[in-house]
Amino acid sequence: MYTVMKKAVMAGLGVRVIVNQVVDDLVKKGEAAPDKQAAKVREIVEACEQSVHKVETAVKAGACSVARAVRMPTRADVDALERKIQELAQKVDALSRNPRTPS
């Protein structure tokens, strides 16, 4: 999963360079007007950013689904356990300071 995400990030970093090259080629071929070049680049980059957002959303949803499937504890679960451990530790400390004598 990390490799795929790393490749996606690297691709995202290179998108603007690639898009500029593609638009330059379109201008050279006469398929795009030189004065509209910046607008075309922005249009393509925005489309790429929307795609990235969709992928991120899908990955997050998938990760959450996997976490639920394996019953991974949530942050709230961990926080509740930490509070309970702290309460128990305080009770143990109190008991160890006031040892009862056997009757």
N, C-alpha and C. Protein backbone atom coordinates (compact mmCIF):
# COMPACT_ATOMS: atom_id res chain seq x y z
N MET A 1 0.84 -1.19 0.00
CA MET A 1 0.00 0.00 0.00
C MET A 1 0.88 1.24 0.00
N TYR A 2 1.95 1.24 0.80
CA TYR A 2 2.84 2.39 0.88
C TYR A 2 3.46 2.69 -0.48
N THR A 3 3.86 1.66 -1.20
CA THR A 3 4.48 1.84 -2.51
C THR A 3 3.52 2.51 -3.48
N VAL A 4 2.28 2.08 -3.46
CA VAL A 4 1.28 2.67 -4.35
C VAL A 4 1.07 4.14 -4.01
N MET A 5 0.97 4.44 -2.72
CA MET A 5 0.76 5.83 -2.30
C MET A 5 1.98 6.68 -2.63
N LYS A 6 3.16 6.12 -2.46
CA LYS A 6 4.38 6.86 -2.78
C LYS A 6 4.41 7.18 -4.27
N LYS A 7 4.06 6.21 -5.10
CA LYS A 7 4.04 6.45 -6.55
C LYS A 7 3.00 7.52 -6.89
N ALA A 8 1.86 7.49 -6.22
CA ALA A 8 0.82 8.49 -6.48
C ALA A 8 1.31 9.90 -6.13
N VAL A 9 1.99 10.01 -5.00
CA VAL A 9 2.51 11.32 -4.60
C VAL A 9 3.57 11.80 -5.58
N MET A 10 4.45 10.90 -5.96
CA MET A 10 5.50 11.27 -6.92
C MET A 10 4.87 11.69 -8.25
N ALA A 11 3.85 10.96 -8.67
CA ALA A 11 3.16 11.32 -9.91
C ALA A 11 2.52 12.69 -9.78
N GLY A 12 1.94 12.96 -8.61
CA GLY A 12 1.33 14.26 -8.38
C GLY A 12 2.32 15.40 -8.47
N LEU A 13 3.52 15.16 -7.98
CA LEU A 13 4.55 16.20 -8.03
C LEU A 13 4.98 16.48 -9.47
N GLY A 14 4.96 15.45 -10.30
CA GLY A 14 5.40 15.61 -11.68
C GLY A 14 4.28 16.00 -12.64
N VAL A 15 3.06 16.04 -12.15
CA VAL A 15 1.92 16.32 -13.02
C VAL A 15 2.05 17.68 -13.70
N ARG A 16 2.39 18.70 -12.96
CA ARG A 16 2.44 20.04 -13.54
C ARG A 16 3.48 20.10 -14.66
N VAL A 17 4.62 19.46 -14.47
CA VAL A 17 5.65 19.45 -15.51
C VAL A 17 5.13 18.73 -16.75
N ILE A 18 4.53 17.58 -16.54
CA ILE A 18 4.02 16.80 -17.66
C ILE A 18 2.90 17.56 -18.38
N VAL A 19 2.02 18.17 -17.60
CA VAL A 19 0.91 18.92 -18.20
C VAL A 19 1.45 20.07 -19.03
N ASN A 20 2.44 20.77 -18.52
CA ASN A 20 3.03 21.87 -19.29
C ASN A 20 3.59 21.36 -20.62
N GLN A 21 4.24 20.20 -20.57
CA GLN A 21 4.79 19.63 -21.80
C GLN A 21 3.68 19.25 -22.79
N VAL A 22 2.62 18.65 -22.27
CA VAL A 22 1.50 18.25 -23.12
C VAL A 22 0.85 19.47 -23.77
N VAL A 23 0.64 20.53 -22.97
CA VAL A 23 0.02 21.73 -23.51
C VAL A 23 0.94 22.39 -24.53
N ASP A 24 2.24 22.41 -24.25
CA ASP A 24 3.19 22.96 -25.23
C ASP A 24 3.09 22.20 -26.56
N ASP A 25 2.99 20.87 -26.47
CA ASP A 25 2.85 20.06 -27.68
C ASP A 25 1.55 20.38 -28.43
N LEU A 26 0.47 20.58 -27.67
CA LEU A 26 -0.81 20.93 -28.30
C LEU A 26 -0.71 22.27 -29.02
N VAL A 27 0.00 23.22 -28.41
CA VAL A 27 0.17 24.53 -29.04
C VAL A 27 0.98 24.38 -30.31
N LYS A 28 2.04 23.58 -30.26
CA LYS A 28 2.88 23.38 -31.45
C LYS A 28 2.09 22.73 -32.58
N LYS A 29 1.20 21.82 -32.24
CA LYS A 29 0.41 21.12 -33.26
C LYS A 29 -0.78 21.98 -33.73
N GLY A 30 -1.00 23.10 -33.04
CA GLY A 30 -2.11 23.96 -33.42
C GLY A 30 -3.44 23.55 -32.83
N GLU A 31 -3.41 22.63 -31.88
CA GLU A 31 -4.65 22.15 -31.28
C GLU A 31 -5.07 23.00 -30.08
N ALA A 32 -4.21 23.90 -29.65
CA ALA A 32 -4.53 24.81 -28.55
C ALA A 32 -3.91 26.17 -28.87
N ALA A 33 -4.60 27.21 -28.47
CA ALA A 33 -4.12 28.56 -28.73
C ALA A 33 -3.07 28.95 -27.70
N PRO A 34 -1.98 29.61 -28.12
CA PRO A 34 -0.93 29.99 -27.18
C PRO A 34 -1.43 30.88 -26.05
N ASP A 35 -2.39 31.76 -26.34
CA ASP A 35 -2.88 32.66 -25.30
C ASP A 35 -3.78 31.93 -24.29
N LYS A 36 -4.21 30.75 -24.58
CA LYS A 36 -5.06 29.95 -23.68
C LYS A 36 -4.24 28.87 -22.96
N GLN A 37 -2.94 28.92 -23.11
CA GLN A 37 -2.07 27.87 -22.58
C GLN A 37 -2.18 27.75 -21.06
N ALA A 38 -2.09 28.87 -20.35
CA ALA A 38 -2.15 28.83 -18.89
C ALA A 38 -3.49 28.30 -18.40
N ALA A 39 -4.56 28.71 -19.08
CA ALA A 39 -5.89 28.24 -18.69
C ALA A 39 -6.01 26.74 -18.89
N LYS A 40 -5.45 26.24 -19.98
CA LYS A 40 -5.51 24.80 -20.27
C LYS A 40 -4.72 24.02 -19.21
N VAL A 41 -3.56 24.55 -18.82
CA VAL A 41 -2.76 23.89 -17.78
C VAL A 41 -3.55 23.84 -16.48
N ARG A 42 -4.16 24.97 -16.09
CA ARG A 42 -4.95 25.00 -14.86
C ARG A 42 -6.10 24.00 -14.92
N GLU A 43 -6.75 23.93 -16.07
CA GLU A 43 -7.88 23.02 -16.25
C GLU A 43 -7.45 21.57 -16.04
N ILE A 44 -6.34 21.20 -16.63
CA ILE A 44 -5.86 19.82 -16.52
C ILE A 44 -5.38 19.52 -15.10
N VAL A 45 -4.67 20.48 -14.50
CA VAL A 45 -4.19 20.28 -13.13
C VAL A 45 -5.36 20.15 -12.16
N GLU A 46 -6.40 20.97 -12.34
CA GLU A 46 -7.58 20.87 -11.48
C GLU A 46 -8.26 19.52 -11.64
N ALA A 47 -8.32 19.01 -12.84
CA ALA A 47 -8.90 17.68 -13.07
C ALA A 47 -8.08 16.61 -12.35
N CYS A 48 -6.76 16.75 -12.40
CA CYS A 48 -5.88 15.81 -11.70
C CYS A 48 -6.08 15.90 -10.20
N GLU A 49 -6.20 17.12 -9.68
CA GLU A 49 -6.40 17.30 -8.24
C GLU A 49 -7.71 16.69 -7.79
N GLN A 50 -8.75 16.81 -8.61
CA GLN A 50 -10.03 16.19 -8.28
C GLN A 50 -9.90 14.67 -8.25
N SER A 51 -9.14 14.13 -9.18
CA SER A 51 -8.92 12.68 -9.20
C SER A 51 -8.15 12.24 -7.96
N VAL A 52 -7.15 13.01 -7.58
CA VAL A 52 -6.38 12.69 -6.37
C VAL A 52 -7.29 12.71 -5.15
N HIS A 53 -8.16 13.70 -5.08
CA HIS A 53 -9.09 13.79 -3.95
C HIS A 53 -9.99 12.55 -3.89
N LYS A 54 -10.48 12.11 -5.04
CA LYS A 54 -11.32 10.92 -5.09
C LYS A 54 -10.55 9.69 -4.63
N VAL A 55 -9.30 9.57 -5.05
CA VAL A 55 -8.47 8.43 -4.64
C VAL A 55 -8.23 8.47 -3.14
N GLU A 56 -7.91 9.65 -2.60
CA GLU A 56 -7.68 9.78 -1.16
C GLU A 56 -8.92 9.37 -0.38
N THR A 57 -10.09 9.82 -0.84
CA THR A 57 -11.34 9.48 -0.17
C THR A 57 -11.56 7.97 -0.19
N ALA A 58 -11.30 7.35 -1.32
CA ALA A 58 -11.48 5.90 -1.45
C ALA A 58 -10.50 5.14 -0.56
N VAL A 59 -9.26 5.61 -0.49
CA VAL A 59 -8.25 4.95 0.35
C VAL A 59 -8.62 5.07 1.82
N LYS A 60 -9.06 6.27 2.23
CA LYS A 60 -9.47 6.45 3.63
C LYS A 60 -10.65 5.56 3.98
N ALA A 61 -11.62 5.50 3.08
CA ALA A 61 -12.79 4.64 3.32
C ALA A 61 -12.37 3.18 3.42
N GLY A 62 -11.46 2.76 2.55
CA GLY A 62 -10.98 1.38 2.59
C GLY A 62 -10.23 1.08 3.87
N ALA A 63 -9.40 2.02 4.30
CA ALA A 63 -8.64 1.82 5.54
C ALA A 63 -9.58 1.72 6.74
N CYS A 64 -10.60 2.57 6.77
CA CYS A 64 -11.58 2.52 7.86
C CYS A 64 -12.34 1.20 7.85
N SER A 65 -12.67 0.73 6.66
CA SER A 65 -13.38 -0.54 6.53
C SER A 65 -12.53 -1.69 7.05
N VAL A 66 -11.26 -1.69 6.71
CA VAL A 66 -10.35 -2.74 7.18
C VAL A 66 -10.21 -2.67 8.70
N ALA A 67 -10.07 -1.46 9.23
CA ALA A 67 -9.93 -1.30 10.68
C ALA A 67 -11.16 -1.85 11.41
N ARG A 68 -12.34 -1.58 10.87
CA ARG A 68 -13.56 -2.11 11.49
C ARG A 68 -13.62 -3.63 11.36
N ALA A 69 -13.20 -4.16 10.22
CA ALA A 69 -13.27 -5.60 9.98
C ALA A 69 -12.37 -6.38 10.94
N VAL A 70 -11.23 -5.81 11.28
CA VAL A 70 -10.32 -6.50 12.20
C VAL A 70 -10.53 -6.05 13.65
N ARG A 71 -11.59 -5.27 13.85
CA ARG A 71 -11.98 -4.78 15.17
C ARG A 71 -10.85 -3.99 15.84
N MET A 72 -10.20 -3.17 15.06
CA MET A 72 -9.14 -2.31 15.58
C MET A 72 -9.77 -1.27 16.51
N PRO A 73 -9.19 -1.07 17.68
CA PRO A 73 -9.78 -0.09 18.60
C PRO A 73 -9.66 1.34 18.04
N THR A 74 -10.67 2.12 18.34
CA THR A 74 -10.66 3.52 17.92
C THR A 74 -9.86 4.33 18.93
N ARG A 75 -9.61 5.58 18.59
CA ARG A 75 -8.91 6.47 19.51
C ARG A 75 -9.71 6.62 20.81
N ALA A 76 -11.03 6.70 20.68
CA ALA A 76 -11.89 6.82 21.86
C ALA A 76 -11.77 5.59 22.75
N ASP A 77 -11.68 4.40 22.14
CA ASP A 77 -11.50 3.17 22.92
C ASP A 77 -10.20 3.20 23.70
N VAL A 78 -9.14 3.62 23.05
CA VAL A 78 -7.82 3.68 23.69
C VAL A 78 -7.84 4.72 24.82
N ASP A 79 -8.46 5.87 24.57
CA ASP A 79 -8.55 6.91 25.60
C ASP A 79 -9.31 6.40 26.83
N ALA A 80 -10.41 5.68 26.60
CA ALA A 80 -11.20 5.13 27.71
C ALA A 80 -10.37 4.13 28.51
N LEU A 81 -9.62 3.29 27.83
CA LEU A 81 -8.76 2.32 28.53
C LEU A 81 -7.67 3.02 29.33
N GLU A 82 -7.10 4.08 28.77
CA GLU A 82 -6.07 4.83 29.50
C GLU A 82 -6.65 5.44 30.78
N ARG A 83 -7.88 5.98 30.69
CA ARG A 83 -8.52 6.55 31.89
C ARG A 83 -8.75 5.46 32.93
N LYS A 84 -9.20 4.31 32.51
CA LYS A 84 -9.47 3.20 33.43
C LYS A 84 -8.17 2.72 34.09
N ILE A 85 -7.11 2.62 33.31
CA ILE A 85 -5.81 2.21 33.87
C ILE A 85 -5.34 3.23 34.90
N GLN A 86 -5.52 4.51 34.59
CA GLN A 86 -5.12 5.57 35.53
C GLN A 86 -5.91 5.46 36.84
N GLU A 87 -7.21 5.21 36.74
CA GLU A 87 -8.05 5.04 37.93
C GLU A 87 -7.57 3.85 38.76
N LEU A 88 -7.31 2.74 38.10
CA LEU A 88 -6.85 1.54 38.80
C LEU A 88 -5.48 1.76 39.44
N ALA A 89 -4.60 2.46 38.75
CA ALA A 89 -3.26 2.75 39.29
C ALA A 89 -3.39 3.60 40.56
N GLN A 90 -4.31 4.57 40.54
CA GLN A 90 -4.51 5.40 41.73
C GLN A 90 -5.04 4.57 42.90
N LYS A 91 -5.95 3.63 42.61
CA LYS A 91 -6.48 2.76 43.67
C LYS A 91 -5.39 1.87 44.24
N VAL A 92 -4.52 1.33 43.38
CA VAL A 92 -3.43 0.48 43.84
C VAL A 92 -2.48 1.29 44.71
N ASP A 93 -2.15 2.51 44.28
CA ASP A 93 -1.28 3.38 45.08
C ASP A 93 -1.89 3.66 46.44
N ALA A 94 -3.19 3.96 46.47
CA ALA A 94 -3.86 4.26 47.74
C ALA A 94 -3.85 3.04 48.65
N LEU A 95 -4.08 1.87 48.10
CA LEU A 95 -4.07 0.64 48.90
C LEU A 95 -2.67 0.31 49.42
N SER A 96 -1.66 0.59 48.58
CA SER A 96 -0.29 0.27 49.02
C SER A 96 0.18 1.24 50.11
N ARG A 97 -0.36 2.45 50.18
CA ARG A 97 0.01 3.41 51.22
C ARG A 97 -0.70 3.11 52.53
N ASN A 98 -1.86 2.49 52.46
CA ASN A 98 -2.65 2.19 53.67
C ASN A 98 -2.87 0.69 53.78
N PRO A 99 -1.79 -0.05 54.10
CA PRO A 99 -1.96 -1.49 54.19
C PRO A 99 -2.86 -1.86 55.37
N ARG A 100 -3.73 -2.79 55.14
CA ARG A 100 -4.62 -3.25 56.21
C ARG A 100 -3.90 -4.33 57.00
N THR A 101 -4.15 -4.30 58.27
CA THR A 101 -3.60 -5.37 59.09
C THR A 101 -4.61 -6.49 59.14
N PRO A 102 -4.12 -7.75 59.04
CA PRO A 102 -5.07 -8.86 59.08
C PRO A 102 -5.77 -8.92 60.43
N SER A 103 -7.08 -9.28 60.46
CA SER A 103 -7.81 -9.33 61.72
C SER A 103 -7.82 -10.67 62.34
